[in-house]
Amino acid sequence: MKYKIKRGDEVVVIAGAHKGQRGKVLEVMRGTERVVIEGVNMVKRHRKATKENDPDAGIVEREGSVHYSNVMKADRYDSRQSA
């Protein structure tokens, strides 16, 4: 399958719980057909204190992934809205 969404692209979520939110693509996971978008689908993870991640111990909030079929490039979205 050819992916039209790449890292660094500005995208808009067009379906799901985060519909309408915009952000920059941080990561494209081709194996699972998902993308990570900056500031969208924030999830909380519990991190145990160890020698390596002692300052990051506790509850850490980071971006979760969204299926690529639920996002659209922002420039295509804007041109579609104005028509």
Protein backbone atom coordinates (compact mmCIF):
# COMPACT_ATOMS: atom_id res chain seq x y z
CA MET A 1 0.00 0.00 0.00
CA LYS A 2 1.29 3.44 -0.88
CA TYR A 3 1.35 5.91 2.01
CA LYS A 4 0.68 9.54 1.14
CA ILE A 5 1.17 10.74 4.72
CA LYS A 6 4.77 11.22 5.79
CA ARG A 7 6.58 12.38 8.91
CA GLY A 8 6.38 16.17 9.26
CA ASP A 9 3.12 16.57 7.29
CA GLU A 10 0.32 18.72 8.73
CA VAL A 11 -2.82 16.57 9.06
CA VAL A 12 -6.42 16.84 10.27
CA VAL A 13 -8.31 14.02 12.00
CA ILE A 14 -11.48 13.42 9.96
CA ALA A 15 -13.09 10.60 11.98
CA GLY A 16 -13.24 9.27 15.51
CA ALA A 17 -13.10 10.80 18.96
CA HIS A 18 -10.50 13.42 17.96
CA LYS A 19 -12.29 14.62 14.82
CA GLY A 20 -11.30 18.14 13.76
CA GLN A 21 -7.97 18.27 15.59
CA ARG A 22 -4.83 19.26 13.66
CA GLY A 23 -1.21 18.44 14.21
CA LYS A 24 2.12 17.47 12.74
CA VAL A 25 2.90 13.79 12.07
CA LEU A 26 5.64 12.61 14.43
CA GLU A 27 5.80 8.97 13.34
CA VAL A 28 4.33 6.66 10.69
CA MET A 29 4.00 2.99 11.71
CA ARG A 30 3.65 1.12 8.43
CA GLY A 31 3.25 -2.34 9.96
CA THR A 32 0.16 -1.40 11.96
CA GLU A 33 -1.07 1.32 9.54
CA ARG A 34 -1.09 3.99 12.25
CA VAL A 35 0.33 7.49 12.69
CA VAL A 36 1.33 9.47 15.78
CA ILE A 37 0.20 13.11 15.63
CA GLU A 38 1.56 15.89 17.84
CA GLY A 39 -0.99 16.87 20.52
CA VAL A 40 -3.70 14.41 19.39
CA ASN A 41 -4.92 11.30 21.28
CA MET A 42 -2.97 12.00 24.46
CA VAL A 43 -2.68 8.91 26.68
CA LYS A 44 -1.25 8.43 30.16
CA ARG A 45 1.41 5.84 30.89
CA HIS A 46 2.67 4.80 34.31
CA ARG A 47 6.48 4.63 34.51
CA LYS A 48 8.32 2.88 37.28
CA ALA A 49 11.29 4.71 38.81
CA THR A 50 14.59 3.16 37.73
CA LYS A 51 18.13 4.46 37.46
CA GLU A 52 17.61 5.31 33.77
CA ASN A 53 14.27 7.18 33.98
CA ASP A 54 14.24 8.48 37.57
CA PRO A 55 13.13 12.06 36.64
CA ASP A 56 10.44 10.65 34.33
CA ALA A 57 8.92 8.36 36.98
CA GLY A 58 5.21 8.54 37.72
CA ILE A 59 2.39 9.24 35.30
CA VAL A 60 3.65 10.43 31.90
CA GLU A 61 1.37 11.83 29.20
CA ARG A 62 2.26 11.26 25.55
CA GLU A 63 0.68 10.92 22.11
CA GLY A 64 -1.10 7.73 21.14
CA SER A 65 -1.55 6.51 17.60
CA VAL A 66 -4.44 7.04 15.19
CA HIS A 67 -5.28 4.82 12.20
CA TYR A 68 -4.09 6.47 9.00
CA SER A 69 -7.54 6.17 7.38
CA ASN A 70 -8.87 8.62 9.98
CA VAL A 71 -6.51 11.43 8.95
CA MET A 72 -6.17 13.67 5.90
CA LYS A 73 -3.46 16.09 4.83
CA ALA A 74 -4.40 19.59 5.97
CA ASP A 75 -3.95 21.22 2.56
CA ARG A 76 -6.39 18.74 0.96
CA TYR A 77 -8.81 19.29 3.85
CA ASP A 78 -8.68 23.09 3.47
CA SER A 79 -9.25 22.97 -0.30
CA ARG A 80 -12.18 20.59 0.22
CA GLN A 81 -13.79 22.91 2.79
CA SER A 82 -13.56 26.02 0.58
CA ALA A 83 -15.18 24.31 -2.44
